Structure formats: structure tokens, C-alpha cells
Amino acid sequence: MDKTIKVYTLSTCGHCRTTKKFLDDCRVQYEFEDVDLLKGEERAAILEDIKQLNPRCSFPTIIIGDRVIVGFKEDEIREAIGL
């Protein structure tokens, strides 16, 4: 799979943890950012980026290639990563 996967999460979010575990179990490489652990300008900048992709700014926000999936939607994630 050659699509870049980026996951915006909260460290305290059960759905976010489930998403990361699912991606780990699928053995795909991904980057993630626990937004609630960021500070100051870095946090504000990331939140602005997320709002462009997901106006409700809810978590997890998952970007797979050019597709945005909001929330842990296993079937959509599986399809987007080609499983």
C-alpha cells in the first residue's frame, strides 16, 4: 500500500485507541498525533488543519491518501487501505 496514513487522535479517546490498534493489527504504517498532548501554537495549527478536513473537529480524524474518515469506521478504513 503506497498511500500515506495520518491519524489525528486524543490520548484519552477510546475510539482513537481502537483505530491505532486496528491499524497496528493490519500491519500498516501510519503517523499519528495525539492533539491533546500538543501545546500552544503547534496545537492551534494542527487544530486548524483538522478543521479543514473535518469541520466538527472530532476524533479520530483519519487521512488515508486523499480520503478523510472521521471516527472508527472499520469497513471504510479497511477499504481505504486496500484490505
PDB file of N, CA and C in Angstrom:
ATOM      1  N   MET A   1       0.850  -1.184   0.000  1.00  0.00           N
ATOM      2  CA  MET A   1       0.000   0.000   0.000  1.00  0.00           C
ATOM      3  C   MET A   1       0.886   1.235   0.000  1.00  0.00           C
ATOM      4  N   ASP A   2       0.645   2.157  -0.899  1.00  0.00           N
ATOM      5  CA  ASP A   2       1.533   3.313  -1.027  1.00  0.00           C
ATOM      6  C   ASP A   2       0.870   4.614  -0.592  1.00  0.00           C
ATOM      7  N   LYS A   3      -0.287   4.530   0.031  1.00  0.00           N
ATOM      8  CA  LYS A   3      -0.963   5.738   0.494  1.00  0.00           C
ATOM      9  C   LYS A   3      -0.408   6.134   1.856  1.00  0.00           C
ATOM     10  N   THR A   4      -0.242   7.433   2.059  1.00  0.00           N
ATOM     11  CA  THR A   4       0.164   7.932   3.360  1.00  0.00           C
ATOM     12  C   THR A   4      -1.038   7.902   4.293  1.00  0.00           C
ATOM     13  N   ILE A   5      -0.809   7.463   5.518  1.00  0.00           N
ATOM     14  CA  ILE A   5      -1.877   7.424   6.515  1.00  0.00           C
ATOM     15  C   ILE A   5      -1.484   8.313   7.677  1.00  0.00           C
ATOM     16  N   LYS A   6      -2.355   9.261   7.996  1.00  0.00           N
ATOM     17  CA  LYS A   6      -2.144  10.169   9.123  1.00  0.00           C
ATOM     18  C   LYS A   6      -3.391  10.112   9.986  1.00  0.00           C
ATOM     19  N   VAL A   7      -3.203   9.960  11.288  1.00  0.00           N
ATOM     20  CA  VAL A   7      -4.326   9.847  12.207  1.00  0.00           C
ATOM     21  C   VAL A   7      -4.180  10.923  13.278  1.00  0.00           C
ATOM     22  N   TYR A   8      -5.204  11.742  13.418  1.00  0.00           N
ATOM     23  CA  TYR A   8      -5.251  12.747  14.488  1.00  0.00           C
ATOM     24  C   TYR A   8      -6.118  12.172  15.596  1.00  0.00           C
ATOM     25  N   THR A   9      -5.539  12.089  16.803  1.00  0.00           N
ATOM     26  CA  THR A   9      -6.205  11.417  17.912  1.00  0.00           C
ATOM     27  C   THR A   9      -6.136  12.253  19.183  1.00  0.00           C
ATOM     28  N   LEU A  10      -6.860  11.783  20.182  1.00  0.00           N
ATOM     29  CA  LEU A  10      -6.725  12.284  21.548  1.00  0.00           C
ATOM     30  C   LEU A  10      -6.206  11.118  22.383  1.00  0.00           C
ATOM     31  N   SER A  11      -5.281  11.387  23.282  1.00  0.00           N
ATOM     32  CA  SER A  11      -4.675  10.311  24.067  1.00  0.00           C
ATOM     33  C   SER A  11      -5.676   9.612  24.972  1.00  0.00           C
ATOM     34  N   THR A  12      -6.778  10.285  25.295  1.00  0.00           N
ATOM     35  CA  THR A  12      -7.773   9.737  26.225  1.00  0.00           C
ATOM     36  C   THR A  12      -8.981   9.107  25.529  1.00  0.00           C
ATOM     37  N   CYS A  13      -8.981   9.081  24.212  1.00  0.00           N
ATOM     38  CA  CYS A  13     -10.150   8.663  23.422  1.00  0.00           C
ATOM     39  C   CYS A  13     -10.117   7.166  23.120  1.00  0.00           C
ATOM     40  N   GLY A  14     -11.158   6.456  23.558  1.00  0.00           N
ATOM     41  CA  GLY A  14     -11.246   5.023  23.296  1.00  0.00           C
ATOM     42  C   GLY A  14     -11.317   4.685  21.816  1.00  0.00           C
ATOM     43  N   HIS A  15     -12.077   5.464  21.038  1.00  0.00           N
ATOM     44  CA  HIS A  15     -12.187   5.212  19.591  1.00  0.00           C
ATOM     45  C   HIS A  15     -10.834   5.433  18.914  1.00  0.00           C
ATOM     46  N   CYS A  16     -10.076   6.406  19.408  1.00  0.00           N
ATOM     47  CA  CYS A  16      -8.752   6.678  18.852  1.00  0.00           C
ATOM     48  C   CYS A  16      -7.811   5.504  19.120  1.00  0.00           C
ATOM     49  N   ARG A  17      -7.850   4.983  20.344  1.00  0.00           N
ATOM     50  CA  ARG A  17      -7.008   3.829  20.690  1.00  0.00           C
ATOM     51  C   ARG A  17      -7.392   2.621  19.842  1.00  0.00           C
ATOM     52  N   THR A  18      -8.698   2.422  19.636  1.00  0.00           N
ATOM     53  CA  THR A  18      -9.177   1.310  18.812  1.00  0.00           C
ATOM     54  C   THR A  18      -8.673   1.452  17.379  1.00  0.00           C
ATOM     55  N   THR A  19      -8.701   2.672  16.855  1.00  0.00           N
ATOM     56  CA  THR A  19      -8.228   2.927  15.490  1.00  0.00           C
ATOM     57  C   THR A  19      -6.750   2.582  15.360  1.00  0.00           C
ATOM     58  N   LYS A  20      -5.939   3.049  16.297  1.00  0.00           N
ATOM     59  CA  LYS A  20      -4.494   2.770  16.238  1.00  0.00           C
ATOM     60  C   LYS A  20      -4.219   1.274  16.365  1.00  0.00           C
ATOM     61  N   LYS A  21      -4.962   0.591  17.255  1.00  0.00           N
ATOM     62  CA  LYS A  21      -4.782  -0.855  17.412  1.00  0.00           C
ATOM     63  C   LYS A  21      -5.175  -1.575  16.124  1.00  0.00           C
ATOM     64  N   PHE A  22      -6.267  -1.152  15.499  1.00  0.00           N
ATOM     65  CA  PHE A  22      -6.703  -1.768  14.248  1.00  0.00           C
ATOM     66  C   PHE A  22      -5.628  -1.615  13.165  1.00  0.00           C
ATOM     67  N   LEU A  23      -5.080  -0.410  13.031  1.00  0.00           N
ATOM     68  CA  LEU A  23      -4.033  -0.183  12.029  1.00  0.00           C
ATOM     69  C   LEU A  23      -2.787  -0.998  12.352  1.00  0.00           C
ATOM     70  N   ASP A  24      -2.444  -1.092  13.638  1.00  0.00           N
ATOM     71  CA  ASP A  24      -1.306  -1.935  14.046  1.00  0.00           C
ATOM     72  C   ASP A  24      -1.570  -3.392  13.672  1.00  0.00           C
ATOM     73  N   ASP A  25      -2.778  -3.874  13.971  1.00  0.00           N
ATOM     74  CA  ASP A  25      -3.135  -5.264  13.675  1.00  0.00           C
ATOM     75  C   ASP A  25      -3.096  -5.540  12.173  1.00  0.00           C
ATOM     76  N   CYS A  26      -3.401  -4.515  11.365  1.00  0.00           N
ATOM     77  CA  CYS A  26      -3.357  -4.651   9.900  1.00  0.00           C
ATOM     78  C   CYS A  26      -1.934  -4.516   9.359  1.00  0.00           C
ATOM     79  N   ARG A  27      -1.000  -4.210  10.248  1.00  0.00           N
ATOM     80  CA  ARG A  27       0.418  -4.057   9.900  1.00  0.00           C
ATOM     81  C   ARG A  27       0.642  -3.010   8.805  1.00  0.00           C
ATOM     82  N   VAL A  28      -0.048  -1.891   8.937  1.00  0.00           N
ATOM     83  CA  VAL A  28       0.192  -0.780   8.018  1.00  0.00           C
ATOM     84  C   VAL A  28       0.933   0.317   8.774  1.00  0.00           C
ATOM     85  N   GLN A  29       1.764   1.031   8.047  1.00  0.00           N
ATOM     86  CA  GLN A  29       2.496   2.130   8.662  1.00  0.00           C
ATOM     87  C   GLN A  29       1.629   3.380   8.635  1.00  0.00           C
ATOM     88  N   TYR A  30       1.660   4.112   9.734  1.00  0.00           N
ATOM     89  CA  TYR A  30       0.885   5.341   9.814  1.00  0.00           C
ATOM     90  C   TYR A  30       1.562   6.278  10.793  1.00  0.00           C
ATOM     91  N   GLU A  31       1.235   7.546  10.648  1.00  0.00           N
ATOM     92  CA  GLU A  31       1.689   8.550  11.600  1.00  0.00           C
ATOM     93  C   GLU A  31       0.473   8.972  12.402  1.00  0.00           C
ATOM     94  N   PHE A  32       0.691   9.306  13.670  1.00  0.00           N
ATOM     95  CA  PHE A  32      -0.425   9.819  14.446  1.00  0.00           C
ATOM     96  C   PHE A  32       0.047  10.976  15.307  1.00  0.00           C
ATOM     97  N   GLU A  33      -0.902  11.794  15.663  1.00  0.00           N
ATOM     98  CA  GLU A  33      -0.643  12.947  16.529  1.00  0.00           C
ATOM     99  C   GLU A  33      -1.706  12.955  17.604  1.00  0.00           C
ATOM    100  N   ASP A  34      -1.282  12.832  18.878  1.00  0.00           N
ATOM    101  CA  ASP A  34      -2.215  12.996  19.993  1.00  0.00           C
ATOM    102  C   ASP A  34      -2.368  14.496  20.228  1.00  0.00           C
ATOM    103  N   VAL A  35      -3.424  15.060  19.673  1.00  0.00           N
ATOM    104  CA  VAL A  35      -3.599  16.511  19.638  1.00  0.00           C
ATOM    105  C   VAL A  35      -3.680  17.105  21.045  1.00  0.00           C
ATOM    106  N   ASP A  36      -4.283  16.379  21.975  1.00  0.00           N
ATOM    107  CA  ASP A  36      -4.425  16.919  23.332  1.00  0.00           C
ATOM    108  C   ASP A  36      -3.090  17.022  24.080  1.00  0.00           C
ATOM    109  N   LEU A  37      -2.050  16.371  23.565  1.00  0.00           N
ATOM    110  CA  LEU A  37      -0.736  16.448  24.209  1.00  0.00           C
ATOM    111  C   LEU A  37       0.128  17.568  23.644  1.00  0.00           C
ATOM    112  N   LEU A  38      -0.360  18.201  22.564  1.00  0.00           N
ATOM    113  CA  LEU A  38       0.383  19.323  21.971  1.00  0.00           C
ATOM    114  C   LEU A  38       0.125  20.590  22.772  1.00  0.00           C
ATOM    115  N   LYS A  39       1.016  21.573  22.610  1.00  0.00           N
ATOM    116  CA  LYS A  39       0.878  22.831  23.344  1.00  0.00           C
ATOM    117  C   LYS A  39       0.894  24.021  22.389  1.00  0.00           C
ATOM    118  N   GLY A  40       0.282  25.093  22.827  1.00  0.00           N
ATOM    119  CA  GLY A  40       0.412  26.403  22.196  1.00  0.00           C
ATOM    120  C   GLY A  40       0.155  26.443  20.713  1.00  0.00           C
ATOM    121  N   GLU A  41       1.099  27.074  19.994  1.00  0.00           N
ATOM    122  CA  GLU A  41       0.918  27.309  18.554  1.00  0.00           C
ATOM    123  C   GLU A  41       0.863  26.021  17.759  1.00  0.00           C
ATOM    124  N   GLU A  42       1.645  25.029  18.163  1.00  0.00           N
ATOM    125  CA  GLU A  42       1.634  23.756  17.444  1.00  0.00           C
ATOM    126  C   GLU A  42       0.235  23.133  17.502  1.00  0.00           C
ATOM    127  N   ARG A  43      -0.368  23.159  18.695  1.00  0.00           N
ATOM    128  CA  ARG A  43      -1.720  22.615  18.869  1.00  0.00           C
ATOM    129  C   ARG A  43      -2.736  23.417  18.048  1.00  0.00           C
ATOM    130  N   ALA A  44      -2.652  24.734  18.096  1.00  0.00           N
ATOM    131  CA  ALA A  44      -3.576  25.592  17.341  1.00  0.00           C
ATOM    132  C   ALA A  44      -3.459  25.329  15.838  1.00  0.00           C
ATOM    133  N   ALA A  45      -2.233  25.166  15.349  1.00  0.00           N
ATOM    134  CA  ALA A  45      -2.017  24.932  13.914  1.00  0.00           C
ATOM    135  C   ALA A  45      -2.605  23.585  13.488  1.00  0.00           C
ATOM    136  N   ILE A  46      -2.381  22.559  14.288  1.00  0.00           N
ATOM    137  CA  ILE A  46      -2.921  21.231  13.964  1.00  0.00           C
ATOM    138  C   ILE A  46      -4.445  21.263  13.986  1.00  0.00           C
ATOM    139  N   LEU A  47      -5.032  21.943  14.974  1.00  0.00           N
ATOM    140  CA  LEU A  47      -6.496  22.031  15.042  1.00  0.00           C
ATOM    141  C   LEU A  47      -7.058  22.737  13.820  1.00  0.00           C
ATOM    142  N   GLU A  48      -6.359  23.758  13.326  1.00  0.00           N
ATOM    143  CA  GLU A  48      -6.798  24.437  12.091  1.00  0.00           C
ATOM    144  C   GLU A  48      -6.757  23.473  10.910  1.00  0.00           C
ATOM    145  N   ASP A  49      -5.681  22.672  10.821  1.00  0.00           N
ATOM    146  CA  ASP A  49      -5.576  21.674   9.750  1.00  0.00           C
ATOM    147  C   ASP A  49      -6.730  20.683   9.825  1.00  0.00           C
ATOM    148  N   ILE A  50      -7.022  20.224  11.026  1.00  0.00           N
ATOM    149  CA  ILE A  50      -8.099  19.242  11.198  1.00  0.00           C
ATOM    150  C   ILE A  50      -9.439  19.850  10.790  1.00  0.00           C
ATOM    151  N   LYS A  51      -9.680  21.110  11.168  1.00  0.00           N
ATOM    152  CA  LYS A  51     -10.955  21.762  10.819  1.00  0.00           C
ATOM    153  C   LYS A  51     -11.153  21.857   9.315  1.00  0.00           C
ATOM    154  N   GLN A  52     -10.056  21.958   8.548  1.00  0.00           N
ATOM    155  CA  GLN A  52     -10.162  21.983   7.083  1.00  0.00           C
ATOM    156  C   GLN A  52     -10.664  20.637   6.560  1.00  0.00           C
ATOM    157  N   LEU A  53     -10.267  19.553   7.235  1.00  0.00           N
ATOM    158  CA  LEU A  53     -10.633  18.201   6.814  1.00  0.00           C
ATOM    159  C   LEU A  53     -11.955  17.750   7.426  1.00  0.00           C
ATOM    160  N   ASN A  54     -12.195  18.186   8.650  1.00  0.00           N
ATOM    161  CA  ASN A  54     -13.333  17.730   9.441  1.00  0.00           C
ATOM    162  C   ASN A  54     -13.830  18.926  10.252  1.00  0.00           C
ATOM    163  N   PRO A  55     -14.779  19.681   9.701  1.00  0.00           N
ATOM    164  CA  PRO A  55     -15.230  20.922  10.354  1.00  0.00           C
ATOM    165  C   PRO A  55     -15.697  20.745  11.803  1.00  0.00           C
ATOM    166  N   ARG A  56     -16.187  19.559  12.153  1.00  0.00           N
ATOM    167  CA  ARG A  56     -16.619  19.330  13.536  1.00  0.00           C
ATOM    168  C   ARG A  56     -15.430  19.109  14.468  1.00  0.00           C
ATOM    169  N   CYS A  57     -14.261  18.872  13.873  1.00  0.00           N
ATOM    170  CA  CYS A  57     -13.024  18.708  14.641  1.00  0.00           C
ATOM    171  C   CYS A  57     -13.192  17.603  15.694  1.00  0.00           C
ATOM    172  N   SER A  58     -13.732  16.466  15.255  1.00  0.00           N
ATOM    173  CA  SER A  58     -13.923  15.335  16.152  1.00  0.00           C
ATOM    174  C   SER A  58     -12.833  14.301  15.891  1.00  0.00           C
ATOM    175  N   PHE A  59     -12.736  13.345  16.801  1.00  0.00           N
ATOM    176  CA  PHE A  59     -11.620  12.409  16.751  1.00  0.00           C
ATOM    177  C   PHE A  59     -12.115  10.971  16.836  1.00  0.00           C
ATOM    178  N   PRO A  60     -11.376  10.043  16.211  1.00  0.00           N
ATOM    179  CA  PRO A  60     -10.196  10.282  15.406  1.00  0.00           C
ATOM    180  C   PRO A  60     -10.559  10.842  14.027  1.00  0.00           C
ATOM    181  N   THR A  61      -9.664  11.637  13.476  1.00  0.00           N
ATOM    182  CA  THR A  61      -9.747  12.066  12.087  1.00  0.00           C
ATOM    183  C   THR A  61      -8.618  11.345  11.366  1.00  0.00           C
ATOM    184  N   ILE A  62      -8.981  10.546  10.369  1.00  0.00           N
ATOM    185  CA  ILE A  62      -8.035   9.665   9.696  1.00  0.00           C
ATOM    186  C   ILE A  62      -7.922  10.095   8.240  1.00  0.00           C
ATOM    187  N   ILE A  63      -6.689  10.296   7.781  1.00  0.00           N
ATOM    188  CA  ILE A  63      -6.462  10.642   6.385  1.00  0.00           C
ATOM    189  C   ILE A  63      -5.699   9.490   5.749  1.00  0.00           C
ATOM    190  N   ILE A  64      -6.305   8.894   4.733  1.00  0.00           N
ATOM    191  CA  ILE A  64      -5.663   7.800   4.004  1.00  0.00           C
ATOM    192  C   ILE A  64      -5.611   8.229   2.550  1.00  0.00           C
ATOM    193  N   GLY A  65      -4.407   8.557   2.084  1.00  0.00           N
ATOM    194  CA  GLY A  65      -4.286   9.138   0.750  1.00  0.00           C
ATOM    195  C   GLY A  65      -5.024  10.460   0.731  1.00  0.00           C
ATOM    196  N   ASP A  66      -6.024  10.598  -0.148  1.00  0.00           N
ATOM    197  CA  ASP A  66      -6.805  11.841  -0.193  1.00  0.00           C
ATOM    198  C   ASP A  66      -8.195  11.648   0.425  1.00  0.00           C
ATOM    199  N   ARG A  67      -8.382  10.557   1.116  1.00  0.00           N
ATOM    200  CA  ARG A  67      -9.684  10.254   1.732  1.00  0.00           C
ATOM    201  C   ARG A  67      -9.647  10.586   3.227  1.00  0.00           C
ATOM    202  N   VAL A  68     -10.718  11.194   3.712  1.00  0.00           N
ATOM    203  CA  VAL A  68     -10.833  11.537   5.130  1.00  0.00           C
ATOM    204  C   VAL A  68     -11.947  10.686   5.742  1.00  0.00           C
ATOM    205  N   ILE A  69     -11.613  10.003   6.829  1.00  0.00           N
ATOM    206  CA  ILE A  69     -12.586   9.196   7.557  1.00  0.00           C
ATOM    207  C   ILE A  69     -12.631   9.746   8.980  1.00  0.00           C
ATOM    208  N   VAL A  70     -13.830  10.045   9.451  1.00  0.00           N
ATOM    209  CA  VAL A  70     -13.987  10.592  10.797  1.00  0.00           C
ATOM    210  C   VAL A  70     -14.603   9.516  11.681  1.00  0.00           C
ATOM    211  N   GLY A  71     -13.918   9.183  12.757  1.00  0.00           N
ATOM    212  CA  GLY A  71     -14.385   8.144  13.661  1.00  0.00           C
ATOM    213  C   GLY A  71     -13.834   6.794  13.260  1.00  0.00           C
ATOM    214  N   PHE A  72     -13.974   5.829  14.162  1.00  0.00           N
ATOM    215  CA  PHE A  72     -13.504   4.474  13.867  1.00  0.00           C
ATOM    216  C   PHE A  72     -14.578   3.762  13.056  1.00  0.00           C
ATOM    217  N   LYS A  73     -14.362   3.725  11.737  1.00  0.00           N
ATOM    218  CA  LYS A  73     -15.285   3.047  10.818  1.00  0.00           C
ATOM    219  C   LYS A  73     -14.475   1.959  10.125  1.00  0.00           C
ATOM    220  N   GLU A  74     -14.456   0.782  10.764  1.00  0.00           N
ATOM    221  CA  GLU A  74     -13.563  -0.286  10.323  1.00  0.00           C
ATOM    222  C   GLU A  74     -13.713  -0.607   8.840  1.00  0.00           C
ATOM    223  N   ASP A  75     -14.946  -0.723   8.357  1.00  0.00           N
ATOM    224  CA  ASP A  75     -15.152  -1.072   6.947  1.00  0.00           C
ATOM    225  C   ASP A  75     -14.565  -0.024   6.014  1.00  0.00           C
ATOM    226  N   GLU A  76     -14.772   1.256   6.327  1.00  0.00           N
ATOM    227  CA  GLU A  76     -14.229   2.330   5.481  1.00  0.00           C
ATOM    228  C   GLU A  76     -12.708   2.350   5.525  1.00  0.00           C
ATOM    229  N   ILE A  77     -12.143   2.147   6.716  1.00  0.00           N
ATOM    230  CA  ILE A  77     -10.685   2.134   6.848  1.00  0.00           C
ATOM    231  C   ILE A  77     -10.114   0.958   6.059  1.00  0.00           C
ATOM    232  N   ARG A  78     -10.722  -0.211   6.222  1.00  0.00           N
ATOM    233  CA  ARG A  78     -10.273  -1.424   5.519  1.00  0.00           C
ATOM    234  C   ARG A  78     -10.274  -1.195   4.002  1.00  0.00           C
ATOM    235  N   GLU A  79     -11.367  -0.609   3.502  1.00  0.00           N
ATOM    236  CA  GLU A  79     -11.481  -0.337   2.058  1.00  0.00           C
ATOM    237  C   GLU A  79     -10.409   0.665   1.618  1.00  0.00           C
ATOM    238  N   ALA A  80     -10.208   1.720   2.404  1.00  0.00           N
ATOM    239  CA  ALA A  80      -9.257   2.760   2.019  1.00  0.00           C
ATOM    240  C   ALA A  80      -7.816   2.255   2.010  1.00  0.00           C
ATOM    241  N   ILE A  81      -7.492   1.299   2.897  1.00  0.00           N
ATOM    242  CA  ILE A  81      -6.114   0.790   2.903  1.00  0.00           C
ATOM    243  C   ILE A  81      -5.961  -0.437   2.014  1.00  0.00           C
ATOM    244  N   GLY A  82      -7.062  -0.864   1.408  1.00  0.00           N
ATOM    245  CA  GLY A  82      -6.993  -1.938   0.419  1.00  0.00           C
ATOM    246  C   GLY A  82      -6.982  -3.328   1.014  1.00  0.00           C
ATOM    247  N   LEU A  83      -7.693  -3.526   2.109  1.00  0.00           N
ATOM    248  CA  LEU A  83      -7.780  -4.877   2.699  1.00  0.00           C
ATOM    249  C   LEU A  83      -9.089  -5.549   2.335  1.00  0.00           C
TER     250      LEU A  83
END
